[in-house]
């Protein structure tokens, strides 16, 4: 093989390697709404703690505001997460492991005990 052909092959290899390395996505931030029927003001911190246990949520929280938005009246949580690090099902299962149903994933289905129901506010 001649010197020119070898140089051309090396240049082609270098270009392909650079394209492969530059073209790979390192993050993929997505939004996900999770329905948590038992969500209340009193227990929302447990749910947030469960979600923040994932690098895919924690890393996004370092870069963006409002990574986790809680709507107590709708009983939903909107979370921004990096799908390259964590899957939607993992988020649902983490909430279920904390004792709360999440998009139909029950605590019992992940071997957890349901969290105690919030006590209704007493009338004065």
C-alpha atoms as a PDB file:
ATOM      1  CA  UNK A   1       0.000   0.000   0.000  1.00  0.00           C
ATOM      2  CA  UNK A   2       1.378   3.378  -0.990  1.00  0.00           C
ATOM      3  CA  UNK A   3       2.058   6.240   1.379  1.00  0.00           C
ATOM      4  CA  UNK A   4      -0.793   8.332  -0.085  1.00  0.00           C
ATOM      5  CA  UNK A   5      -3.299   5.490   0.335  1.00  0.00           C
ATOM      6  CA  UNK A   6      -2.175   4.916   3.937  1.00  0.00           C
ATOM      7  CA  UNK A   7      -2.501   8.634   4.713  1.00  0.00           C
ATOM      8  CA  UNK A   8      -5.980   8.709   3.165  1.00  0.00           C
ATOM      9  CA  UNK A   9      -7.067   5.673   5.224  1.00  0.00           C
ATOM     10  CA  UNK A  10      -5.750   7.233   8.437  1.00  0.00           C
ATOM     11  CA  UNK A  11      -7.531  10.504   7.661  1.00  0.00           C
ATOM     12  CA  UNK A  12     -10.769   8.645   6.979  1.00  0.00           C
ATOM     13  CA  UNK A  13     -10.404   6.684  10.236  1.00  0.00           C
ATOM     14  CA  UNK A  14      -9.707   9.875  12.196  1.00  0.00           C
ATOM     15  CA  UNK A  15     -12.747  11.588  10.659  1.00  0.00           C
ATOM     16  CA  UNK A  16     -14.989   8.608  11.463  1.00  0.00           C
ATOM     17  CA  UNK A  17     -13.708   8.472  15.041  1.00  0.00           C
ATOM     18  CA  UNK A  18     -14.250  12.209  15.528  1.00  0.00           C
ATOM     19  CA  UNK A  19     -17.787  11.967  14.131  1.00  0.00           C
ATOM     20  CA  UNK A  20     -18.592   9.059  16.416  1.00  0.00           C
ATOM     21  CA  UNK A  21     -17.275  10.799  19.512  1.00  0.00           C
ATOM     22  CA  UNK A  22     -18.877  14.150  18.761  1.00  0.00           C
ATOM     23  CA  UNK A  23     -22.174  12.689  17.639  1.00  0.00           C
ATOM     24  CA  UNK A  24     -22.877  10.735  20.822  1.00  0.00           C
ATOM     25  CA  UNK A  25     -25.435  12.262  23.092  1.00  0.00           C
ATOM     26  CA  UNK A  26     -24.275  12.552  26.649  1.00  0.00           C
ATOM     27  CA  UNK A  27     -27.556  13.811  28.092  1.00  0.00           C
ATOM     28  CA  UNK A  28     -31.188  13.657  27.088  1.00  0.00           C
ATOM     29  CA  UNK A  29     -33.313  15.758  29.435  1.00  0.00           C
ATOM     30  CA  UNK A  30     -36.998  14.916  29.295  1.00  0.00           C
ATOM     31  CA  UNK A  31     -40.160  15.835  31.185  1.00  0.00           C
ATOM     32  CA  UNK A  32     -42.324  13.220  32.874  1.00  0.00           C
ATOM     33  CA  UNK A  33     -45.609  13.646  34.713  1.00  0.00           C
ATOM     34  CA  UNK A  34     -46.297  11.172  37.487  1.00  0.00           C
ATOM     35  CA  UNK A  35     -49.732  10.728  39.005  1.00  0.00           C
ATOM     36  CA  UNK A  36     -49.479  10.117  42.760  1.00  0.00           C
ATOM     37  CA  UNK A  37     -53.030   9.721  44.118  1.00  0.00           C
ATOM     38  CA  UNK A  38     -51.974   9.960  47.785  1.00  0.00           C
ATOM     39  CA  UNK A  39     -49.819  13.081  47.278  1.00  0.00           C
ATOM     40  CA  UNK A  40     -50.260  15.693  49.995  1.00  0.00           C
ATOM     41  CA  UNK A  41     -48.243  18.606  51.313  1.00  0.00           C
ATOM     42  CA  UNK A  42     -47.235  16.500  54.310  1.00  0.00           C
ATOM     43  CA  UNK A  43     -45.768  13.616  52.302  1.00  0.00           C
ATOM     44  CA  UNK A  44     -44.440  15.404  49.217  1.00  0.00           C
ATOM     45  CA  UNK A  45     -40.941  15.655  50.715  1.00  0.00           C
ATOM     46  CA  UNK A  46     -40.737  11.824  50.864  1.00  0.00           C
ATOM     47  CA  UNK A  47     -41.610  11.622  47.174  1.00  0.00           C
ATOM     48  CA  UNK A  48     -39.062  14.304  46.244  1.00  0.00           C
ATOM     49  CA  UNK A  49     -36.404  12.506  48.294  1.00  0.00           C
ATOM     50  CA  UNK A  50     -37.128   9.277  46.407  1.00  0.00           C
ATOM     51  CA  UNK A  51     -36.712  11.048  43.044  1.00  0.00           C
ATOM     52  CA  UNK A  52     -33.553  12.908  44.067  1.00  0.00           C
ATOM     53  CA  UNK A  53     -31.908   9.557  44.777  1.00  0.00           C
ATOM     54  CA  UNK A  54     -31.165   9.254  41.048  1.00  0.00           C
ATOM     55  CA  UNK A  55     -28.192  10.869  39.317  1.00  0.00           C
ATOM     56  CA  UNK A  56     -30.471  11.433  36.329  1.00  0.00           C
ATOM     57  CA  UNK A  57     -32.643  13.776  38.405  1.00  0.00           C
ATOM     58  CA  UNK A  58     -29.965  15.236  40.699  1.00  0.00           C
ATOM     59  CA  UNK A  59     -27.667  16.199  37.801  1.00  0.00           C
ATOM     60  CA  UNK A  60     -30.490  18.007  35.983  1.00  0.00           C
ATOM     61  CA  UNK A  61     -31.400  19.812  39.228  1.00  0.00           C
ATOM     62  CA  UNK A  62     -27.863  21.226  39.380  1.00  0.00           C
ATOM     63  CA  UNK A  63     -28.318  22.818  35.948  1.00  0.00           C
ATOM     64  CA  UNK A  64     -31.994  23.798  35.803  1.00  0.00           C
ATOM     65  CA  UNK A  65     -34.584  25.299  38.103  1.00  0.00           C
ATOM     66  CA  UNK A  66     -37.962  23.658  38.703  1.00  0.00           C
ATOM     67  CA  UNK A  67     -36.672  20.151  38.107  1.00  0.00           C
ATOM     68  CA  UNK A  68     -39.462  18.786  40.298  1.00  0.00           C
ATOM     69  CA  UNK A  69     -42.805  20.584  40.296  1.00  0.00           C
ATOM     70  CA  UNK A  70     -45.489  19.372  42.666  1.00  0.00           C
ATOM     71  CA  UNK A  71     -49.177  20.040  42.013  1.00  0.00           C
ATOM     72  CA  UNK A  72     -50.952  18.929  45.175  1.00  0.00           C
ATOM     73  CA  UNK A  73     -54.432  19.756  43.882  1.00  0.00           C
ATOM     74  CA  UNK A  74     -53.939  17.594  40.766  1.00  0.00           C
ATOM     75  CA  UNK A  75     -51.873  15.090  42.769  1.00  0.00           C
ATOM     76  CA  UNK A  76     -49.134  15.074  40.147  1.00  0.00           C
ATOM     77  CA  UNK A  77     -45.405  15.581  40.039  1.00  0.00           C
ATOM     78  CA  UNK A  78     -43.632  16.861  36.954  1.00  0.00           C
ATOM     79  CA  UNK A  79     -39.986  15.883  36.916  1.00  0.00           C
ATOM     80  CA  UNK A  80     -37.148  16.686  34.520  1.00  0.00           C
ATOM     81  CA  UNK A  81     -34.729  13.795  34.219  1.00  0.00           C
ATOM     82  CA  UNK A  82     -31.844  12.608  32.069  1.00  0.00           C
ATOM     83  CA  UNK A  83     -33.100   9.557  30.191  1.00  0.00           C
ATOM     84  CA  UNK A  84     -29.505   8.513  29.501  1.00  0.00           C
ATOM     85  CA  UNK A  85     -29.119   7.886  33.257  1.00  0.00           C
ATOM     86  CA  UNK A  86     -32.550   6.838  34.519  1.00  0.00           C
ATOM     87  CA  UNK A  87     -35.737   5.397  33.011  1.00  0.00           C
ATOM     88  CA  UNK A  88     -39.306   6.505  33.671  1.00  0.00           C
ATOM     89  CA  UNK A  89     -40.121   3.150  35.241  1.00  0.00           C
ATOM     90  CA  UNK A  90     -37.275   3.632  37.745  1.00  0.00           C
ATOM     91  CA  UNK A  91     -38.830   6.932  38.857  1.00  0.00           C
ATOM     92  CA  UNK A  92     -42.239   5.308  39.321  1.00  0.00           C
ATOM     93  CA  UNK A  93     -40.735   2.379  41.215  1.00  0.00           C
ATOM     94  CA  UNK A  94     -38.765   4.697  43.524  1.00  0.00           C
ATOM     95  CA  UNK A  95     -41.963   6.513  44.494  1.00  0.00           C
ATOM     96  CA  UNK A  96     -43.706   3.168  45.006  1.00  0.00           C
ATOM     97  CA  UNK A  97     -40.784   2.030  47.174  1.00  0.00           C
ATOM     98  CA  UNK A  98     -41.354   5.138  49.310  1.00  0.00           C
ATOM     99  CA  UNK A  99     -44.901   3.874  49.882  1.00  0.00           C
ATOM    100  CA  UNK A 100     -46.930   5.753  47.277  1.00  0.00           C
ATOM    101  CA  UNK A 101     -48.682   4.608  44.118  1.00  0.00           C
ATOM    102  CA  UNK A 102     -47.130   6.220  41.041  1.00  0.00           C
ATOM    103  CA  UNK A 103     -48.843   5.945  37.632  1.00  0.00           C
ATOM    104  CA  UNK A 104     -50.400   2.681  38.737  1.00  0.00           C
ATOM    105  CA  UNK A 105     -47.206   1.183  40.190  1.00  0.00           C
ATOM    106  CA  UNK A 106     -48.195   0.214  43.724  1.00  0.00           C
ATOM    107  CA  UNK A 107     -45.957  -0.086  46.777  1.00  0.00           C
ATOM    108  CA  UNK A 108     -46.959  -3.744  47.060  1.00  0.00           C
ATOM    109  CA  UNK A 109     -45.736  -4.452  43.515  1.00  0.00           C
ATOM    110  CA  UNK A 110     -42.203  -3.449  44.542  1.00  0.00           C
ATOM    111  CA  UNK A 111     -42.319  -5.145  47.938  1.00  0.00           C
ATOM    112  CA  UNK A 112     -42.918  -1.972  49.959  1.00  0.00           C
ATOM    113  CA  UNK A 113     -45.524  -1.128  52.550  1.00  0.00           C
ATOM    114  CA  UNK A 114     -47.982   1.632  51.646  1.00  0.00           C
ATOM    115  CA  UNK A 115     -47.296   4.903  53.449  1.00  0.00           C
ATOM    116  CA  UNK A 116     -49.747   5.842  56.157  1.00  0.00           C
ATOM    117  CA  UNK A 117     -52.608   7.929  54.829  1.00  0.00           C
ATOM    118  CA  UNK A 118     -52.449  11.600  55.744  1.00  0.00           C
ATOM    119  CA  UNK A 119     -54.805  12.564  58.516  1.00  0.00           C
ATOM    120  CA  UNK A 120     -57.500  15.036  57.501  1.00  0.00           C
ATOM    121  CA  UNK A 121     -57.217  18.485  59.037  1.00  0.00           C
ATOM    122  CA  UNK A 122     -59.439  18.918  62.066  1.00  0.00           C
ATOM    123  CA  UNK A 123     -62.176  21.550  61.939  1.00  0.00           C
ATOM    124  CA  UNK A 124     -61.922  24.193  64.639  1.00  0.00           C
END
